[in-house]
C-alpha atoms as a PDB file:
ATOM      1  CA  UNK A   1     -34.445  16.878  26.389  1.00  0.00           C
ATOM      2  CA  UNK A   2     -31.325  17.511  28.431  1.00  0.00           C
ATOM      3  CA  UNK A   3     -28.182  18.403  26.446  1.00  0.00           C
ATOM      4  CA  UNK A   4     -25.134  16.251  27.149  1.00  0.00           C
ATOM      5  CA  UNK A   5     -22.085  17.996  28.631  1.00  0.00           C
ATOM      6  CA  UNK A   6     -19.453  17.758  25.862  1.00  0.00           C
ATOM      7  CA  UNK A   7     -16.814  19.324  28.077  1.00  0.00           C
ATOM      8  CA  UNK A   8     -16.105  16.046  29.877  1.00  0.00           C
ATOM      9  CA  UNK A   9     -13.489  13.798  28.303  1.00  0.00           C
ATOM     10  CA  UNK A  10     -11.166  10.879  29.054  1.00  0.00           C
ATOM     11  CA  UNK A  11      -7.417  11.085  28.458  1.00  0.00           C
ATOM     12  CA  UNK A  12      -6.376   8.285  26.006  1.00  0.00           C
ATOM     13  CA  UNK A  13      -3.010   7.793  27.759  1.00  0.00           C
ATOM     14  CA  UNK A  14      -3.961   7.702  31.422  1.00  0.00           C
ATOM     15  CA  UNK A  15      -7.701   7.063  31.280  1.00  0.00           C
ATOM     16  CA  UNK A  16      -8.324   9.931  33.680  1.00  0.00           C
ATOM     17  CA  UNK A  17     -11.448  12.029  33.340  1.00  0.00           C
ATOM     18  CA  UNK A  18     -10.980  15.758  32.813  1.00  0.00           C
ATOM     19  CA  UNK A  19     -12.909  18.835  31.752  1.00  0.00           C
ATOM     20  CA  UNK A  20     -11.945  20.186  28.319  1.00  0.00           C
ATOM     21  CA  UNK A  21     -10.702  23.750  28.136  1.00  0.00           C
ATOM     22  CA  UNK A  22     -11.076  23.702  24.325  1.00  0.00           C
ATOM     23  CA  UNK A  23     -13.560  21.870  22.134  1.00  0.00           C
ATOM     24  CA  UNK A  24     -10.794  19.953  20.320  1.00  0.00           C
ATOM     25  CA  UNK A  25      -8.782  19.012  23.429  1.00  0.00           C
ATOM     26  CA  UNK A  26      -8.025  15.280  23.615  1.00  0.00           C
ATOM     27  CA  UNK A  27      -5.468  14.976  26.428  1.00  0.00           C
ATOM     28  CA  UNK A  28      -5.665  16.189  30.028  1.00  0.00           C
ATOM     29  CA  UNK A  29      -2.334  18.018  29.666  1.00  0.00           C
ATOM     30  CA  UNK A  30       0.549  18.586  27.256  1.00  0.00           C
ATOM     31  CA  UNK A  31       2.824  16.067  29.024  1.00  0.00           C
ATOM     32  CA  UNK A  32       0.332  13.254  28.365  1.00  0.00           C
ATOM     33  CA  UNK A  33       0.022  14.291  24.715  1.00  0.00           C
ATOM     34  CA  UNK A  34       3.799  14.255  24.200  1.00  0.00           C
ATOM     35  CA  UNK A  35       4.208  10.912  26.005  1.00  0.00           C
ATOM     36  CA  UNK A  36       1.355   9.335  24.017  1.00  0.00           C
ATOM     37  CA  UNK A  37       2.827  10.468  20.681  1.00  0.00           C
ATOM     38  CA  UNK A  38       6.345   9.352  21.679  1.00  0.00           C
ATOM     39  CA  UNK A  39       5.055   5.894  22.628  1.00  0.00           C
ATOM     40  CA  UNK A  40       3.190   5.662  19.317  1.00  0.00           C
ATOM     41  CA  UNK A  41       6.305   6.690  17.344  1.00  0.00           C
ATOM     42  CA  UNK A  42       8.449   4.215  19.301  1.00  0.00           C
ATOM     43  CA  UNK A  43       6.061   1.355  18.496  1.00  0.00           C
ATOM     44  CA  UNK A  44       6.176   2.286  14.793  1.00  0.00           C
ATOM     45  CA  UNK A  45       9.998   2.400  14.754  1.00  0.00           C
ATOM     46  CA  UNK A  46      10.202  -0.933  16.587  1.00  0.00           C
ATOM     47  CA  UNK A  47       7.826  -2.584  14.106  1.00  0.00           C
ATOM     48  CA  UNK A  48       9.909  -1.367  11.153  1.00  0.00           C
ATOM     49  CA  UNK A  49      13.383  -1.898  12.635  1.00  0.00           C
ATOM     50  CA  UNK A  50      14.037  -5.432  11.298  1.00  0.00           C
ATOM     51  CA  UNK A  51      13.087  -4.456   7.742  1.00  0.00           C
ATOM     52  CA  UNK A  52      15.033  -1.177   7.943  1.00  0.00           C
ATOM     53  CA  UNK A  53      18.205  -3.003   9.062  1.00  0.00           C
ATOM     54  CA  UNK A  54      17.982  -5.412   6.136  1.00  0.00           C
ATOM     55  CA  UNK A  55      17.348  -2.591   3.636  1.00  0.00           C
ATOM     56  CA  UNK A  56      20.241  -0.588   5.054  1.00  0.00           C
ATOM     57  CA  UNK A  57      22.509  -3.636   4.799  1.00  0.00           C
ATOM     58  CA  UNK A  58      21.399  -4.273   1.197  1.00  0.00           C
ATOM     59  CA  UNK A  59      22.192  -0.673   0.261  1.00  0.00           C
ATOM     60  CA  UNK A  60      25.641  -0.932   1.879  1.00  0.00           C
ATOM     61  CA  UNK A  61      26.353  -4.179  -0.015  1.00  0.00           C
ATOM     62  CA  UNK A  62      25.418  -2.638  -3.382  1.00  0.00           C
ATOM     63  CA  UNK A  63      27.359   0.536  -2.606  1.00  0.00           C
ATOM     64  CA  UNK A  64      30.460  -1.462  -1.612  1.00  0.00           C
ATOM     65  CA  UNK A  65      30.259  -3.786  -4.641  1.00  0.00           C
ATOM     66  CA  UNK A  66      29.818  -0.864  -7.018  1.00  0.00           C
ATOM     67  CA  UNK A  67      32.615   1.210  -5.494  1.00  0.00           C
ATOM     68  CA  UNK A  68      33.619   4.075  -7.767  1.00  0.00           C
ATOM     69  CA  UNK A  69      32.353   2.315 -10.924  1.00  0.00           C
ATOM     70  CA  UNK A  70      29.257   3.494 -12.789  1.00  0.00           C
ATOM     71  CA  UNK A  71      28.012  -0.074 -13.133  1.00  0.00           C
ATOM     72  CA  UNK A  72      29.241  -3.565 -12.414  1.00  0.00           C
ATOM     73  CA  UNK A  73      28.183  -7.104 -13.288  1.00  0.00           C
ATOM     74  CA  UNK A  74      28.260  -9.705 -10.501  1.00  0.00           C
ATOM     75  CA  UNK A  75      26.964 -13.233 -10.037  1.00  0.00           C
ATOM     76  CA  UNK A  76      24.116 -14.179  -7.717  1.00  0.00           C
ATOM     77  CA  UNK A  77      26.540 -16.281  -5.642  1.00  0.00           C
ATOM     78  CA  UNK A  78      28.846 -13.278  -5.176  1.00  0.00           C
ATOM     79  CA  UNK A  79      25.961 -11.055  -4.052  1.00  0.00           C
ATOM     80  CA  UNK A  80      24.655 -13.790  -1.729  1.00  0.00           C
ATOM     81  CA  UNK A  81      28.121 -14.107  -0.220  1.00  0.00           C
ATOM     82  CA  UNK A  82      28.360 -10.337   0.191  1.00  0.00           C
ATOM     83  CA  UNK A  83      25.156 -10.441   2.272  1.00  0.00           C
ATOM     84  CA  UNK A  84      22.498  -9.167  -0.132  1.00  0.00           C
ATOM     85  CA  UNK A  85      18.957 -10.299   0.792  1.00  0.00           C
ATOM     86  CA  UNK A  86      17.202 -10.583  -2.571  1.00  0.00           C
ATOM     87  CA  UNK A  87      13.675 -10.519  -1.108  1.00  0.00           C
ATOM     88  CA  UNK A  88      14.032  -7.022   0.380  1.00  0.00           C
ATOM     89  CA  UNK A  89      13.870  -3.883  -1.768  1.00  0.00           C
ATOM     90  CA  UNK A  90      12.255  -0.463  -1.706  1.00  0.00           C
ATOM     91  CA  UNK A  91      10.840  -0.326  -5.221  1.00  0.00           C
ATOM     92  CA  UNK A  92      11.201  -1.442  -8.825  1.00  0.00           C
ATOM     93  CA  UNK A  93      11.538   0.704 -11.912  1.00  0.00           C
ATOM     94  CA  UNK A  94      11.796   0.264 -15.665  1.00  0.00           C
ATOM     95  CA  UNK A  95      14.893   1.739 -17.298  1.00  0.00           C
ATOM     96  CA  UNK A  96      15.353   1.323 -21.049  1.00  0.00           C
ATOM     97  CA  UNK A  97      12.941  -1.629 -21.082  1.00  0.00           C
ATOM     98  CA  UNK A  98      14.670  -3.486 -18.236  1.00  0.00           C
ATOM     99  CA  UNK A  99      13.190  -4.040 -14.788  1.00  0.00           C
ATOM    100  CA  UNK A 100      15.468  -2.745 -12.020  1.00  0.00           C
ATOM    101  CA  UNK A 101      15.052  -3.831  -8.411  1.00  0.00           C
ATOM    102  CA  UNK A 102      16.028  -0.891  -6.231  1.00  0.00           C
ATOM    103  CA  UNK A 103      17.176  -0.362  -2.693  1.00  0.00           C
ATOM    104  CA  UNK A 104      16.801   3.390  -2.249  1.00  0.00           C
ATOM    105  CA  UNK A 105      19.232   4.893  -4.795  1.00  0.00           C
ATOM    106  CA  UNK A 106      20.976   1.678  -5.900  1.00  0.00           C
ATOM    107  CA  UNK A 107      19.564  -0.992  -8.159  1.00  0.00           C
ATOM    108  CA  UNK A 108      20.261  -4.319  -9.804  1.00  0.00           C
ATOM    109  CA  UNK A 109      18.856  -5.907 -12.918  1.00  0.00           C
ATOM    110  CA  UNK A 110      18.962  -9.488 -14.154  1.00  0.00           C
ATOM    111  CA  UNK A 111      21.387  -9.886 -17.071  1.00  0.00           C
ATOM    112  CA  UNK A 112      21.005 -13.649 -17.432  1.00  0.00           C
ATOM    113  CA  UNK A 113      20.008 -16.559 -15.196  1.00  0.00           C
ATOM    114  CA  UNK A 114      22.606 -15.950 -12.445  1.00  0.00           C
ATOM    115  CA  UNK A 115      24.162 -12.584 -13.290  1.00  0.00           C
ATOM    116  CA  UNK A 116      23.095  -9.087 -12.235  1.00  0.00           C
ATOM    117  CA  UNK A 117      24.060  -5.606 -13.366  1.00  0.00           C
ATOM    118  CA  UNK A 118      24.405  -3.129 -10.487  1.00  0.00           C
ATOM    119  CA  UNK A 119      24.318   0.645 -10.751  1.00  0.00           C
ATOM    120  CA  UNK A 120      23.354   3.794  -8.910  1.00  0.00           C
ATOM    121  CA  UNK A 121      19.874   4.893  -9.960  1.00  0.00           C
ATOM    122  CA  UNK A 122      19.377   8.626 -10.553  1.00  0.00           C
ATOM    123  CA  UNK A 123      16.286  10.136  -8.957  1.00  0.00           C
END
């Protein structure tokens, strides 16, 4: 039985055939490897950009509303008017038995039907 030559490979970026210099070599040259990884990272950033803009805006709204206060109570209408998108958050956490919806290091919790308490969440 003839052994297959494992030194031949195809570059994933360009599709060109090349002979491997190392057993774990994937790309024909370093330039192709860098370009391939940059294109992959760009596609990932582009896919996340809409969500990231909304999350960044939500954080800015909560930061601006809170100002220098430790916590503040605001109505849903006020937060809507300030530009908060209620469907977008990074995580939720339980603090003293209350569920807090968080956008990075800021959070809000439902006080009653249309009122929210806002505060900076400590990590």
